[in-house]
PDB file of N, CA and C in Angstrom:
ATOM      1  N   UNK A   1      85.895  98.956  77.625  1.00  0.00           N
ATOM      2  CA  UNK A   1      84.955  98.973  79.016  1.00  0.00           C
ATOM      3  C   UNK A   1      85.840  99.633  80.115  1.00  0.00           C
ATOM      4  N   UNK A   2      85.223 100.322  80.810  1.00  0.00           N
ATOM      5  CA  UNK A   2      85.525 100.951  81.686  1.00  0.00           C
ATOM      6  C   UNK A   2      86.440 100.125  82.782  1.00  0.00           C
ATOM      7  N   UNK A   3      87.284 100.275  83.665  1.00  0.00           N
ATOM      8  CA  UNK A   3      87.506  99.875  84.688  1.00  0.00           C
ATOM      9  C   UNK A   3      86.806  99.694  86.018  1.00  0.00           C
ATOM     10  N   UNK A   4      86.866  98.546  86.739  1.00  0.00           N
ATOM     11  CA  UNK A   4      85.850  98.876  87.631  1.00  0.00           C
ATOM     12  C   UNK A   4      86.034  99.073  89.267  1.00  0.00           C
ATOM     13  N   UNK A   5      84.774  99.905  89.458  1.00  0.00           N
ATOM     14  CA  UNK A   5      85.869 101.486  90.384  1.00  0.00           C
ATOM     15  C   UNK A   5      85.849 100.374  91.728  1.00  0.00           C
ATOM     16  N   UNK A   6      86.736 100.723  92.680  1.00  0.00           N
ATOM     17  CA  UNK A   6      87.560 100.113  93.715  1.00  0.00           C
ATOM     18  C   UNK A   6      86.263 100.358  94.689  1.00  0.00           C
ATOM     19  N   UNK A   7      85.665  99.014  95.480  1.00  0.00           N
ATOM     20  CA  UNK A   7      84.669  99.032  96.458  1.00  0.00           C
ATOM     21  C   UNK A   7      84.800 100.099  97.711  1.00  0.00           C
ATOM     22  N   UNK A   8      86.242 100.215  97.722  1.00  0.00           N
ATOM     23  CA  UNK A   8      86.548 100.923  99.016  1.00  0.00           C
ATOM     24  C   UNK A   8      86.057 102.328  98.894  1.00  0.00           C
ATOM     25  N   UNK A   9      85.654 102.983  98.309  1.00  0.00           N
ATOM     26  CA  UNK A   9      85.227 104.021  98.254  1.00  0.00           C
ATOM     27  C   UNK A   9      86.056 105.406  97.203  1.00  0.00           C
ATOM     28  N   UNK A  10      87.507 104.781  96.820  1.00  0.00           N
ATOM     29  CA  UNK A  10      88.022 105.963  96.189  1.00  0.00           C
ATOM     30  C   UNK A  10      87.609 106.076  95.263  1.00  0.00           C
ATOM     31  N   UNK A  11      88.379 107.193  94.395  1.00  0.00           N
ATOM     32  CA  UNK A  11      87.886 107.115  92.983  1.00  0.00           C
ATOM     33  C   UNK A  11      89.239 106.588  92.132  1.00  0.00           C
ATOM     34  N   UNK A  12      89.432 104.882  91.891  1.00  0.00           N
ATOM     35  CA  UNK A  12      89.917 104.516  90.929  1.00  0.00           C
ATOM     36  C   UNK A  12      89.323 103.177  90.732  1.00  0.00           C
ATOM     37  N   UNK A  13      90.164 102.550  89.684  1.00  0.00           N
ATOM     38  CA  UNK A  13      89.857 101.512  89.447  1.00  0.00           C
ATOM     39  C   UNK A  13      90.166 100.406  91.124  1.00  0.00           C
ATOM     40  N   UNK A  14      89.280  99.126  90.980  1.00  0.00           N
ATOM     41  CA  UNK A  14      90.094  98.151  91.793  1.00  0.00           C
ATOM     42  C   UNK A  14      91.466  97.748  91.647  1.00  0.00           C
ATOM     43  N   UNK A  15      91.994  97.817  90.230  1.00  0.00           N
ATOM     44  CA  UNK A  15      93.091  97.133  90.174  1.00  0.00           C
ATOM     45  C   UNK A  15      93.902  97.940  90.322  1.00  0.00           C
ATOM     46  N   UNK A  16      93.559  99.487  89.753  1.00  0.00           N
ATOM     47  CA  UNK A  16      95.099 100.444  90.529  1.00  0.00           C
ATOM     48  C   UNK A  16      95.249 100.731  91.971  1.00  0.00           C
ATOM     49  N   UNK A  17      93.406 100.559  92.232  1.00  0.00           N
ATOM     50  CA  UNK A  17      93.687 100.576  93.889  1.00  0.00           C
ATOM     51  C   UNK A  17      94.216  99.784  95.460  1.00  0.00           C
ATOM     52  N   UNK A  18      93.039  98.856  95.743  1.00  0.00           N
ATOM     53  CA  UNK A  18      93.174  97.945  96.303  1.00  0.00           C
ATOM     54  C   UNK A  18      93.584  96.602  95.696  1.00  0.00           C
ATOM     55  N   UNK A  19      93.422  96.304  94.562  1.00  0.00           N
ATOM     56  CA  UNK A  19      93.827  95.310  94.364  1.00  0.00           C
ATOM     57  C   UNK A  19      95.441  95.232  94.235  1.00  0.00           C
ATOM     58  N   UNK A  20      96.104  96.245  93.605  1.00  0.00           N
ATOM     59  CA  UNK A  20      97.529  96.215  93.575  1.00  0.00           C
ATOM     60  C   UNK A  20      98.208  95.962  95.482  1.00  0.00           C
ATOM     61  N   UNK A  21      97.496  96.136  96.164  1.00  0.00           N
ATOM     62  CA  UNK A  21      97.478  95.850  97.795  1.00  0.00           C
ATOM     63  C   UNK A  21      97.289  93.994  97.869  1.00  0.00           C
ATOM     64  N   UNK A  22      96.255  93.844  97.460  1.00  0.00           N
ATOM     65  CA  UNK A  22      95.839  92.306  97.701  1.00  0.00           C
ATOM     66  C   UNK A  22      97.233  91.361  96.725  1.00  0.00           C
ATOM     67  N   UNK A  23      97.297  92.618  95.502  1.00  0.00           N
ATOM     68  CA  UNK A  23      98.239  91.083  95.188  1.00  0.00           C
ATOM     69  C   UNK A  23      99.412  91.245  95.182  1.00  0.00           C
ATOM     70  N   UNK A  24     100.264  92.074  96.726  1.00  0.00           N
ATOM     71  CA  UNK A  24     101.187  92.060  97.583  1.00  0.00           C
ATOM     72  C   UNK A  24     102.050  93.057  96.466  1.00  0.00           C
ATOM     73  N   UNK A  25     101.358  94.243  95.319  1.00  0.00           N
ATOM     74  CA  UNK A  25     102.253  95.484  94.866  1.00  0.00           C
ATOM     75  C   UNK A  25     102.649  96.154  95.629  1.00  0.00           C
ATOM     76  N   UNK A  26     102.749  96.240  96.743  1.00  0.00           N
ATOM     77  CA  UNK A  26     103.050  97.476  97.889  1.00  0.00           C
ATOM     78  C   UNK A  26     102.081  97.190  99.724  1.00  0.00           C
ATOM     79  N   UNK A  27     102.270  98.083  99.777  1.00  0.00           N
ATOM     80  CA  UNK A  27     101.604  98.030 101.157  1.00  0.00           C
ATOM     81  C   UNK A  27     100.860  98.990 101.972  1.00  0.00           C
ATOM     82  N   UNK A  28      99.810  98.906 102.563  1.00  0.00           N
ATOM     83  CA  UNK A  28      98.790 100.281 103.098  1.00  0.00           C
ATOM     84  C   UNK A  28      99.889 101.684 103.753  1.00  0.00           C
ATOM     85  N   UNK A  29      99.895 102.446 103.080  1.00  0.00           N
ATOM     86  CA  UNK A  29     100.600 103.650 103.787  1.00  0.00           C
ATOM     87  C   UNK A  29     100.398 104.377 105.120  1.00  0.00           C
ATOM     88  N   UNK A  30      98.848 104.133 105.037  1.00  0.00           N
ATOM     89  CA  UNK A  30      98.085 104.689 106.442  1.00  0.00           C
ATOM     90  C   UNK A  30      96.860 103.253 106.813  1.00  0.00           C
ATOM     91  N   UNK A  31      96.713 104.017 107.852  1.00  0.00           N
ATOM     92  CA  UNK A  31      95.685 103.134 108.671  1.00  0.00           C
ATOM     93  C   UNK A  31      94.638 102.907 107.681  1.00  0.00           C
ATOM     94  N   UNK A  32      93.786 103.744 107.411  1.00  0.00           N
ATOM     95  CA  UNK A  32      92.618 104.041 107.046  1.00  0.00           C
ATOM     96  C   UNK A  32      92.717 103.042 105.498  1.00  0.00           C
ATOM     97  N   UNK A  33      94.026 103.872 104.874  1.00  0.00           N
ATOM     98  CA  UNK A  33      94.089 102.668 103.192  1.00  0.00           C
ATOM     99  C   UNK A  33      94.362 100.959 103.901  1.00  0.00           C
ATOM    100  N   UNK A  34      94.498 100.677 104.669  1.00  0.00           N
ATOM    101  CA  UNK A  34      94.623  99.481 105.531  1.00  0.00           C
ATOM    102  C   UNK A  34      93.232  98.727 105.289  1.00  0.00           C
ATOM    103  N   UNK A  35      92.182  99.984 105.861  1.00  0.00           N
ATOM    104  CA  UNK A  35      91.100  99.593 106.564  1.00  0.00           C
ATOM    105  C   UNK A  35      89.887  99.518 105.079  1.00  0.00           C
ATOM    106  N   UNK A  36      90.488 100.508 104.100  1.00  0.00           N
ATOM    107  CA  UNK A  36      89.403 100.543 102.923  1.00  0.00           C
ATOM    108  C   UNK A  36      90.053  98.657 102.551  1.00  0.00           C
ATOM    109  N   UNK A  37      91.393  98.827 102.083  1.00  0.00           N
ATOM    110  CA  UNK A  37      92.047  97.832 101.237  1.00  0.00           C
ATOM    111  C   UNK A  37      91.376  96.485 101.878  1.00  0.00           C
ATOM    112  N   UNK A  38      91.221  96.569 103.400  1.00  0.00           N
ATOM    113  CA  UNK A  38      90.214  95.249 104.090  1.00  0.00           C
ATOM    114  C   UNK A  38      88.994  95.128 103.974  1.00  0.00           C
ATOM    115  N   UNK A  39      88.558  96.455 103.636  1.00  0.00           N
ATOM    116  CA  UNK A  39      86.972  95.778 103.220  1.00  0.00           C
ATOM    117  C   UNK A  39      86.651  95.357 101.655  1.00  0.00           C
ATOM    118  N   UNK A  40      87.761  95.975 101.278  1.00  0.00           N
ATOM    119  CA  UNK A  40      87.734  95.193  99.883  1.00  0.00           C
ATOM    120  C   UNK A  40      88.194  94.009  99.515  1.00  0.00           C
ATOM    121  N   UNK A  41      88.725  93.288 100.569  1.00  0.00           N
ATOM    122  CA  UNK A  41      88.963  91.805 100.622  1.00  0.00           C
ATOM    123  C   UNK A  41      88.201  91.244 101.126  1.00  0.00           C
ATOM    124  N   UNK A  42      87.050  91.698 101.853  1.00  0.00           N
ATOM    125  CA  UNK A  42      85.778  90.948 102.434  1.00  0.00           C
ATOM    126  C   UNK A  42      85.233  91.201 100.841  1.00  0.00           C
ATOM    127  N   UNK A  43      84.836  91.956  99.977  1.00  0.00           N
ATOM    128  CA  UNK A  43      84.161  91.936  99.150  1.00  0.00           C
ATOM    129  C   UNK A  43      84.671  91.198  97.909  1.00  0.00           C
ATOM    130  N   UNK A  44      85.797  90.983  98.023  1.00  0.00           N
ATOM    131  CA  UNK A  44      86.724  90.038  96.783  1.00  0.00           C
ATOM    132  C   UNK A  44      86.825  88.764  97.355  1.00  0.00           C
ATOM    133  N   UNK A  45      86.320  88.171  98.700  1.00  0.00           N
ATOM    134  CA  UNK A  45      86.557  86.883  99.026  1.00  0.00           C
ATOM    135  C   UNK A  45      88.133  86.575  99.328  1.00  0.00           C
ATOM    136  N   UNK A  46      89.168  87.946  99.615  1.00  0.00           N
ATOM    137  CA  UNK A  46      90.243  87.312  99.844  1.00  0.00           C
ATOM    138  C   UNK A  46      90.674  87.114 101.009  1.00  0.00           C
ATOM    139  N   UNK A  47      90.650  85.736 101.539  1.00  0.00           N
ATOM    140  CA  UNK A  47      90.989  85.560 102.548  1.00  0.00           C
ATOM    141  C   UNK A  47      92.460  85.463 103.354  1.00  0.00           C
ATOM    142  N   UNK A  48      93.152  85.424 102.254  1.00  0.00           N
ATOM    143  CA  UNK A  48      94.655  85.479 102.463  1.00  0.00           C
ATOM    144  C   UNK A  48      94.797  87.108 102.841  1.00  0.00           C
ATOM    145  N   UNK A  49      94.549  87.522 102.086  1.00  0.00           N
ATOM    146  CA  UNK A  49      95.280  88.788 102.294  1.00  0.00           C
ATOM    147  C   UNK A  49      94.250  89.519 103.883  1.00  0.00           C
ATOM    148  N   UNK A  50      93.195  89.487 104.376  1.00  0.00           N
ATOM    149  CA  UNK A  50      92.715  89.563 105.495  1.00  0.00           C
ATOM    150  C   UNK A  50      92.955  88.920 106.530  1.00  0.00           C
ATOM    151  N   UNK A  51      94.122  87.800 106.476  1.00  0.00           N
ATOM    152  CA  UNK A  51      94.896  87.385 107.666  1.00  0.00           C
ATOM    153  C   UNK A  51      96.207  87.587 107.815  1.00  0.00           C
ATOM    154  N   UNK A  52      96.662  88.022 106.474  1.00  0.00           N
ATOM    155  CA  UNK A  52      97.982  88.902 106.329  1.00  0.00           C
ATOM    156  C   UNK A  52      98.236  89.941 107.110  1.00  0.00           C
ATOM    157  N   UNK A  53      96.967  90.616 107.182  1.00  0.00           N
ATOM    158  CA  UNK A  53      96.820  92.204 107.131  1.00  0.00           C
ATOM    159  C   UNK A  53      96.451  91.896 109.088  1.00  0.00           C
ATOM    160  N   UNK A  54      96.480  90.820 109.467  1.00  0.00           N
ATOM    161  CA  UNK A  54      95.512  90.809 111.184  1.00  0.00           C
ATOM    162  C   UNK A  54      96.675  90.664 111.924  1.00  0.00           C
ATOM    163  N   UNK A  55      96.819  91.119 112.885  1.00  0.00           N
ATOM    164  CA  UNK A  55      97.416  91.427 114.169  1.00  0.00           C
ATOM    165  C   UNK A  55      97.978  89.898 114.183  1.00  0.00           C
ATOM    166  N   UNK A  56      98.704  89.356 114.548  1.00  0.00           N
ATOM    167  CA  UNK A  56      99.097  88.136 115.214  1.00  0.00           C
ATOM    168  C   UNK A  56      98.573  87.768 115.982  1.00  0.00           C
ATOM    169  N   UNK A  57      98.444  88.445 117.134  1.00  0.00           N
ATOM    170  CA  UNK A  57      97.747  88.573 118.419  1.00  0.00           C
ATOM    171  C   UNK A  57      96.386  88.198 118.760  1.00  0.00           C
ATOM    172  N   UNK A  58      95.626  88.809 117.320  1.00  0.00           N
ATOM    173  CA  UNK A  58      94.450  88.890 117.064  1.00  0.00           C
ATOM    174  C   UNK A  58      93.796  88.118 116.235  1.00  0.00           C
ATOM    175  N   UNK A  59      94.723  87.998 115.111  1.00  0.00           N
ATOM    176  CA  UNK A  59      94.451  86.633 113.964  1.00  0.00           C
ATOM    177  C   UNK A  59      93.380  85.699 114.503  1.00  0.00           C
ATOM    178  N   UNK A  60      92.357  84.980 113.832  1.00  0.00           N
ATOM    179  CA  UNK A  60      91.660  84.036 113.908  1.00  0.00           C
ATOM    180  C   UNK A  60      92.522  82.789 113.042  1.00  0.00           C
ATOM    181  N   UNK A  61      92.461  81.659 113.472  1.00  0.00           N
ATOM    182  CA  UNK A  61      93.507  80.809 112.657  1.00  0.00           C
ATOM    183  C   UNK A  61      93.050  80.725 111.881  1.00  0.00           C
ATOM    184  N   UNK A  62      92.041  80.457 111.116  1.00  0.00           N
ATOM    185  CA  UNK A  62      91.301  80.233 110.236  1.00  0.00           C
ATOM    186  C   UNK A  62      90.101  81.341 109.860  1.00  0.00           C
ATOM    187  N   UNK A  63      89.801  81.615 108.306  1.00  0.00           N
ATOM    188  CA  UNK A  63      88.701  82.528 108.316  1.00  0.00           C
ATOM    189  C   UNK A  63      87.846  82.253 107.135  1.00  0.00           C
ATOM    190  N   UNK A  64      86.564  81.892 107.348  1.00  0.00           N
ATOM    191  CA  UNK A  64      85.455  81.489 106.670  1.00  0.00           C
ATOM    192  C   UNK A  64      84.363  82.593 105.988  1.00  0.00           C
ATOM    193  N   UNK A  65      84.765  82.824 104.966  1.00  0.00           N
ATOM    194  CA  UNK A  65      83.879  84.403 104.678  1.00  0.00           C
ATOM    195  C   UNK A  65      82.130  84.054 104.561  1.00  0.00           C
ATOM    196  N   UNK A  66      80.795  84.421 105.149  1.00  0.00           N
ATOM    197  CA  UNK A  66      79.360  83.834 104.806  1.00  0.00           C
ATOM    198  C   UNK A  66      79.698  84.292 103.177  1.00  0.00           C
ATOM    199  N   UNK A  67      79.273  83.277 102.560  1.00  0.00           N
ATOM    200  CA  UNK A  67      79.005  83.556 101.106  1.00  0.00           C
ATOM    201  C   UNK A  67      77.541  83.892 100.754  1.00  0.00           C
ATOM    202  N   UNK A  68      76.581  84.313 101.813  1.00  0.00           N
ATOM    203  CA  UNK A  68      75.515  84.643 101.858  1.00  0.00           C
ATOM    204  C   UNK A  68      75.275  86.266 102.094  1.00  0.00           C
ATOM    205  N   UNK A  69      76.655  86.742 101.882  1.00  0.00           N
ATOM    206  CA  UNK A  69      77.072  88.306 102.654  1.00  0.00           C
ATOM    207  C   UNK A  69      77.650  88.787 100.994  1.00  0.00           C
ATOM    208  N   UNK A  70      76.970  90.232 100.653  1.00  0.00           N
ATOM    209  CA  UNK A  70      77.599  90.317  99.724  1.00  0.00           C
ATOM    210  C   UNK A  70      78.019  91.847 100.253  1.00  0.00           C
ATOM    211  N   UNK A  71      79.229  92.177 100.238  1.00  0.00           N
ATOM    212  CA  UNK A  71      79.510  93.775 100.252  1.00  0.00           C
ATOM    213  C   UNK A  71      79.320  94.703  99.699  1.00  0.00           C
ATOM    214  N   UNK A  72      78.682  96.037  99.809  1.00  0.00           N
ATOM    215  CA  UNK A  72      78.711  96.692  98.625  1.00  0.00           C
ATOM    216  C   UNK A  72      78.990  98.087  98.810  1.00  0.00           C
ATOM    217  N   UNK A  73      79.297  98.450  99.868  1.00  0.00           N
ATOM    218  CA  UNK A  73      79.754 100.112 100.095  1.00  0.00           C
ATOM    219  C   UNK A  73      80.319 100.618 101.002  1.00  0.00           C
ATOM    220  N   UNK A  74      80.740 101.329 101.550  1.00  0.00           N
ATOM    221  CA  UNK A  74      81.855 101.599 102.663  1.00  0.00           C
ATOM    222  C   UNK A  74      81.734 102.987 102.634  1.00  0.00           C
ATOM    223  N   UNK A  75      81.790 103.266 103.913  1.00  0.00           N
ATOM    224  CA  UNK A  75      81.837 104.459 104.480  1.00  0.00           C
ATOM    225  C   UNK A  75      82.677 104.649 105.199  1.00  0.00           C
ATOM    226  N   UNK A  76      83.805 105.564 105.197  1.00  0.00           N
ATOM    227  CA  UNK A  76      84.843 106.063 106.180  1.00  0.00           C
ATOM    228  C   UNK A  76      84.075 107.121 106.813  1.00  0.00           C
ATOM    229  N   UNK A  77      83.568 107.072 108.676  1.00  0.00           N
ATOM    230  CA  UNK A  77      83.122 108.078 109.138  1.00  0.00           C
ATOM    231  C   UNK A  77      84.403 109.086 109.883  1.00  0.00           C
ATOM    232  N   UNK A  78      85.325 108.489 110.318  1.00  0.00           N
ATOM    233  CA  UNK A  78      86.339 109.281 110.932  1.00  0.00           C
ATOM    234  C   UNK A  78      87.993 108.603 111.051  1.00  0.00           C
ATOM    235  N   UNK A  79      88.475 109.276 111.185  1.00  0.00           N
ATOM    236  CA  UNK A  79      90.125 108.139 111.642  1.00  0.00           C
ATOM    237  C   UNK A  79      90.925 109.180 112.625  1.00  0.00           C
ATOM    238  N   UNK A  80      91.799 108.480 113.601  1.00  0.00           N
ATOM    239  CA  UNK A  80      92.774 109.479 114.464  1.00  0.00           C
ATOM    240  C   UNK A  80      93.762 108.398 114.342  1.00  0.00           C
ATOM    241  N   UNK A  81      95.274 109.590 114.388  1.00  0.00           N
ATOM    242  CA  UNK A  81      96.226 108.859 113.812  1.00  0.00           C
ATOM    243  C   UNK A  81      96.252 107.996 112.821  1.00  0.00           C
ATOM    244  N   UNK A  82      97.014 107.194 112.757  1.00  0.00           N
ATOM    245  CA  UNK A  82      97.422 106.229 111.357  1.00  0.00           C
ATOM    246  C   UNK A  82      97.776 106.954 110.341  1.00  0.00           C
ATOM    247  N   UNK A  83      98.470 107.872 110.233  1.00  0.00           N
ATOM    248  CA  UNK A  83      99.221 108.542 109.153  1.00  0.00           C
ATOM    249  C   UNK A  83     100.468 108.201 108.912  1.00  0.00           C
ATOM    250  N   UNK A  84     101.385 108.370 107.990  1.00  0.00           N
ATOM    251  CA  UNK A  84     102.544 107.584 107.791  1.00  0.00           C
ATOM    252  C   UNK A  84     103.483 108.166 108.734  1.00  0.00           C
ATOM    253  N   UNK A  85     103.164 108.765 109.791  1.00  0.00           N
ATOM    254  CA  UNK A  85     104.128 109.434 111.492  1.00  0.00           C
ATOM    255  C   UNK A  85     103.670 108.570 112.262  1.00  0.00           C
ATOM    256  N   UNK A  86     102.432 108.042 112.437  1.00  0.00           N
ATOM    257  CA  UNK A  86     102.037 107.612 113.193  1.00  0.00           C
ATOM    258  C   UNK A  86     102.381 106.007 113.442  1.00  0.00           C
ATOM    259  N   UNK A  87     102.432 105.255 114.799  1.00  0.00           N
ATOM    260  CA  UNK A  87     102.707 103.864 114.524  1.00  0.00           C
ATOM    261  C   UNK A  87     100.928 103.052 114.977  1.00  0.00           C
ATOM    262  N   UNK A  88     100.143 103.883 115.421  1.00  0.00           N
ATOM    263  CA  UNK A  88      98.570 103.900 115.755  1.00  0.00           C
ATOM    264  C   UNK A  88      97.662 104.348 115.564  1.00  0.00           C
ATOM    265  N   UNK A  89      96.719 104.097 115.392  1.00  0.00           N
ATOM    266  CA  UNK A  89      95.252 105.096 114.552  1.00  0.00           C
ATOM    267  C   UNK A  89      94.166 103.979 115.070  1.00  0.00           C
ATOM    268  N   UNK A  90      92.708 105.071 114.690  1.00  0.00           N
ATOM    269  CA  UNK A  90      91.536 104.373 114.680  1.00  0.00           C
ATOM    270  C   UNK A  90      90.784 104.354 113.091  1.00  0.00           C
ATOM    271  N   UNK A  91      89.874 103.666 112.529  1.00  0.00           N
ATOM    272  CA  UNK A  91      89.197 104.142 111.600  1.00  0.00           C
ATOM    273  C   UNK A  91      87.665 103.560 112.220  1.00  0.00           C
ATOM    274  N   UNK A  92      87.041 104.747 111.989  1.00  0.00           N
ATOM    275  CA  UNK A  92      85.384 104.069 112.101  1.00  0.00           C
ATOM    276  C   UNK A  92      84.870 104.124 110.688  1.00  0.00           C
ATOM    277  N   UNK A  93      84.114 103.433 110.596  1.00  0.00           N
ATOM    278  CA  UNK A  93      83.602 103.025 109.490  1.00  0.00           C
ATOM    279  C   UNK A  93      81.971 102.370 109.626  1.00  0.00           C
ATOM    280  N   UNK A  94      81.268 102.754 108.121  1.00  0.00           N
ATOM    281  CA  UNK A  94      80.270 101.606 108.071  1.00  0.00           C
ATOM    282  C   UNK A  94      79.957 101.446 106.777  1.00  0.00           C
ATOM    283  N   UNK A  95      79.989  99.800 106.833  1.00  0.00           N
ATOM    284  CA  UNK A  95      79.916  98.721 105.857  1.00  0.00           C
ATOM    285  C   UNK A  95      78.502  98.197 105.418  1.00  0.00           C
ATOM    286  N   UNK A  96      78.286  98.628 104.296  1.00  0.00           N
ATOM    287  CA  UNK A  96      77.399  98.203 104.077  1.00  0.00           C
ATOM    288  C   UNK A  96      76.893  96.863 103.272  1.00  0.00           C
ATOM    289  N   UNK A  97      76.255  95.860 103.193  1.00  0.00           N
ATOM    290  CA  UNK A  97      76.252  95.011 102.990  1.00  0.00           C
ATOM    291  C   UNK A  97      74.706  94.079 102.269  1.00  0.00           C
ATOM    292  N   UNK A  98      74.869  93.474 101.417  1.00  0.00           N
ATOM    293  CA  UNK A  98      73.524  92.648 101.180  1.00  0.00           C
ATOM    294  C   UNK A  98      73.752  91.493 101.641  1.00  0.00           C
ATOM    295  N   UNK A  99      72.688  90.647 102.295  1.00  0.00           N
ATOM    296  CA  UNK A  99      72.931  89.592 103.016  1.00  0.00           C
ATOM    297  C   UNK A  99      71.054  88.877 102.436  1.00  0.00           C
ATOM    298  N   UNK A 100      71.169  87.525 101.577  1.00  0.00           N
ATOM    299  CA  UNK A 100      70.140  87.270 100.619  1.00  0.00           C
ATOM    300  C   UNK A 100      69.225  88.293 100.055  1.00  0.00           C
ATOM    301  N   UNK A 101      70.009  89.165  99.606  1.00  0.00           N
ATOM    302  CA  UNK A 101      69.313  90.154  98.921  1.00  0.00           C
ATOM    303  C   UNK A 101      68.861  91.196  99.540  1.00  0.00           C
ATOM    304  N   UNK A 102      68.768  91.384 101.286  1.00  0.00           N
ATOM    305  CA  UNK A 102      68.499  92.041 102.153  1.00  0.00           C
ATOM    306  C   UNK A 102      69.322  93.146 102.760  1.00  0.00           C
ATOM    307  N   UNK A 103      69.173  94.435 102.407  1.00  0.00           N
ATOM    308  CA  UNK A 103      70.293  95.382 103.019  1.00  0.00           C
ATOM    309  C   UNK A 103      70.432  95.328 104.444  1.00  0.00           C
ATOM    310  N   UNK A 104      72.014  95.687 104.730  1.00  0.00           N
ATOM    311  CA  UNK A 104      72.443  95.701 106.099  1.00  0.00           C
ATOM    312  C   UNK A 104      73.397  96.341 106.310  1.00  0.00           C
ATOM    313  N   UNK A 105      74.119  96.739 107.530  1.00  0.00           N
ATOM    314  CA  UNK A 105      75.212  97.811 107.713  1.00  0.00           C
ATOM    315  C   UNK A 105      75.929  97.187 108.581  1.00  0.00           C
ATOM    316  N   UNK A 106      76.978  97.217 109.295  1.00  0.00           N
ATOM    317  CA  UNK A 106      78.012  97.051 110.552  1.00  0.00           C
ATOM    318  C   UNK A 106      78.693  98.933 110.171  1.00  0.00           C
ATOM    319  N   UNK A 107      79.234  98.737 111.987  1.00  0.00           N
ATOM    320  CA  UNK A 107      79.819  99.710 111.846  1.00  0.00           C
ATOM    321  C   UNK A 107      80.738  99.239 113.018  1.00  0.00           C
ATOM    322  N   UNK A 108      81.851  99.749 113.082  1.00  0.00           N
ATOM    323  CA  UNK A 108      83.099  99.676 114.163  1.00  0.00           C
ATOM    324  C   UNK A 108      83.851 100.634 113.643  1.00  0.00           C
ATOM    325  N   UNK A 109      84.477 100.757 114.969  1.00  0.00           N
ATOM    326  CA  UNK A 109      85.772 101.391 115.531  1.00  0.00           C
ATOM    327  C   UNK A 109      86.961 100.875 115.417  1.00  0.00           C
ATOM    328  N   UNK A 110      87.833 100.227 114.574  1.00  0.00           N
ATOM    329  CA  UNK A 110      88.780  99.642 113.965  1.00  0.00           C
ATOM    330  C   UNK A 110      90.383 100.125 114.699  1.00  0.00           C
ATOM    331  N   UNK A 111      91.073  99.478 115.608  1.00  0.00           N
ATOM    332  CA  UNK A 111      92.187  99.962 115.414  1.00  0.00           C
ATOM    333  C   UNK A 111      92.980  99.364 114.860  1.00  0.00           C
ATOM    334  N   UNK A 112      94.491 100.339 114.677  1.00  0.00           N
ATOM    335  CA  UNK A 112      95.440  99.763 113.730  1.00  0.00           C
ATOM    336  C   UNK A 112      96.984  99.969 114.283  1.00  0.00           C
ATOM    337  N   UNK A 113      97.838  98.974 114.176  1.00  0.00           N
ATOM    338  CA  UNK A 113      99.112  99.546 114.817  1.00  0.00           C
ATOM    339  C   UNK A 113     100.117  98.854 113.847  1.00  0.00           C
ATOM    340  N   UNK A 114     101.403  99.393 113.578  1.00  0.00           N
ATOM    341  CA  UNK A 114     102.600  99.085 112.310  1.00  0.00           C
ATOM    342  C   UNK A 114     103.307  98.472 113.334  1.00  0.00           C
ATOM    343  N   UNK A 115     103.494  97.213 112.621  1.00  0.00           N
ATOM    344  CA  UNK A 115     104.382  95.686 113.232  1.00  0.00           C
ATOM    345  C   UNK A 115     105.052  95.591 111.874  1.00  0.00           C
ATOM    346  N   UNK A 116     106.785  95.584 111.957  1.00  0.00           N
ATOM    347  CA  UNK A 116     107.492  95.485 111.444  1.00  0.00           C
ATOM    348  C   UNK A 116     107.456  96.408 110.788  1.00  0.00           C
ATOM    349  N   UNK A 117     106.990  97.541 110.376  1.00  0.00           N
ATOM    350  CA  UNK A 117     106.926  99.037 109.463  1.00  0.00           C
ATOM    351  C   UNK A 117     105.936  98.817 108.567  1.00  0.00           C
ATOM    352  N   UNK A 118     104.802  97.532 109.342  1.00  0.00           N
ATOM    353  CA  UNK A 118     103.664  97.823 107.965  1.00  0.00           C
ATOM    354  C   UNK A 118     102.203  97.845 108.671  1.00  0.00           C
ATOM    355  N   UNK A 119     101.292  98.648 108.642  1.00  0.00           N
ATOM    356  CA  UNK A 119      99.919  98.401 108.937  1.00  0.00           C
ATOM    357  C   UNK A 119      99.535  96.881 109.246  1.00  0.00           C
ATOM    358  N   UNK A 120      98.841  96.808 110.452  1.00  0.00           N
ATOM    359  CA  UNK A 120      97.931  95.832 110.581  1.00  0.00           C
ATOM    360  C   UNK A 120      96.647  96.277 111.179  1.00  0.00           C
ATOM    361  N   UNK A 121      95.418  95.072 111.202  1.00  0.00           N
ATOM    362  CA  UNK A 121      94.318  95.116 111.771  1.00  0.00           C
ATOM    363  C   UNK A 121      94.256  94.832 113.436  1.00  0.00           C
ATOM    364  N   UNK A 122      94.284  95.510 114.426  1.00  0.00           N
ATOM    365  CA  UNK A 122      94.374  94.990 115.463  1.00  0.00           C
ATOM    366  C   UNK A 122      92.989  94.804 116.243  1.00  0.00           C
ATOM    367  N   UNK A 123      91.804  94.942 115.945  1.00  0.00           N
ATOM    368  CA  UNK A 123      90.656  94.515 116.393  1.00  0.00           C
ATOM    369  C   UNK A 123      89.789  96.059 116.620  1.00  0.00           C
ATOM    370  N   UNK A 124      88.693  95.649 117.476  1.00  0.00           N
ATOM    371  CA  UNK A 124      87.461  97.025 117.260  1.00  0.00           C
ATOM    372  C   UNK A 124      88.250  97.635 118.536  1.00  0.00           C
ATOM    373  N   UNK A 125      88.286  98.736 118.408  1.00  0.00           N
ATOM    374  CA  UNK A 125      88.614  99.929 119.417  1.00  0.00           C
ATOM    375  C   UNK A 125      87.490  99.729 120.639  1.00  0.00           C
ATOM    376  N   UNK A 126      87.501  98.621 121.939  1.00  0.00           N
ATOM    377  CA  UNK A 126      86.438  98.869 122.768  1.00  0.00           C
ATOM    378  C   UNK A 126      85.890 100.145 123.425  1.00  0.00           C
ATOM    379  N   UNK A 127      87.316 100.938 123.297  1.00  0.00           N
ATOM    380  CA  UNK A 127      87.542 102.195 124.258  1.00  0.00           C
ATOM    381  C   UNK A 127      86.272 102.800 123.720  1.00  0.00           C
ATOM    382  N   UNK A 128      86.225 102.946 122.542  1.00  0.00           N
ATOM    383  CA  UNK A 128      85.535 104.269 121.555  1.00  0.00           C
ATOM    384  C   UNK A 128      83.785 104.714 122.533  1.00  0.00           C
ATOM    385  N   UNK A 129      83.496 105.532 122.273  1.00  0.00           N
ATOM    386  CA  UNK A 129      82.122 105.816 122.749  1.00  0.00           C
ATOM    387  C   UNK A 129      81.334 105.076 121.943  1.00  0.00           C
TER     388      UNK A 129
END
C-alpha cells in the first residue's frame, strides 16, 4: 500500500515530510517548511504542534479546531526571507478546504521569526498589500 502523500503539497509521504516534524523528529529549516507543516497540522488536527510553533506573544491560550472544516490542499504563492540564513520571513499562501462538503479557500501572508533558533508563526503580515 503506497504511503499517503503529504497534504503540504511537497512530493513526499506525510510520515517522511510533515509527520516527522509533528512527531518532534526535527524542526523546520525554513519559514516555508514551517508554514507547510502548520497547514498539515490543521489537516491532521494536531493542535499541540500548532500551539508549539506559534510565537508566545501571539499564541492563543487554547485552540479549538472546527471539525466541520477539512483542509485539503495548499498553494504557496510566494515567500520572502525565511531561509536558513534569515531570522524572519513571510509566506503568502492559499489554503483550500471543504466545509460541510462545500469548497472554500483562505489566503494569508504569514509572518515567521526565529525564536531560540527555531521558526515560529508570528501572525498575519498586516503590512502586506
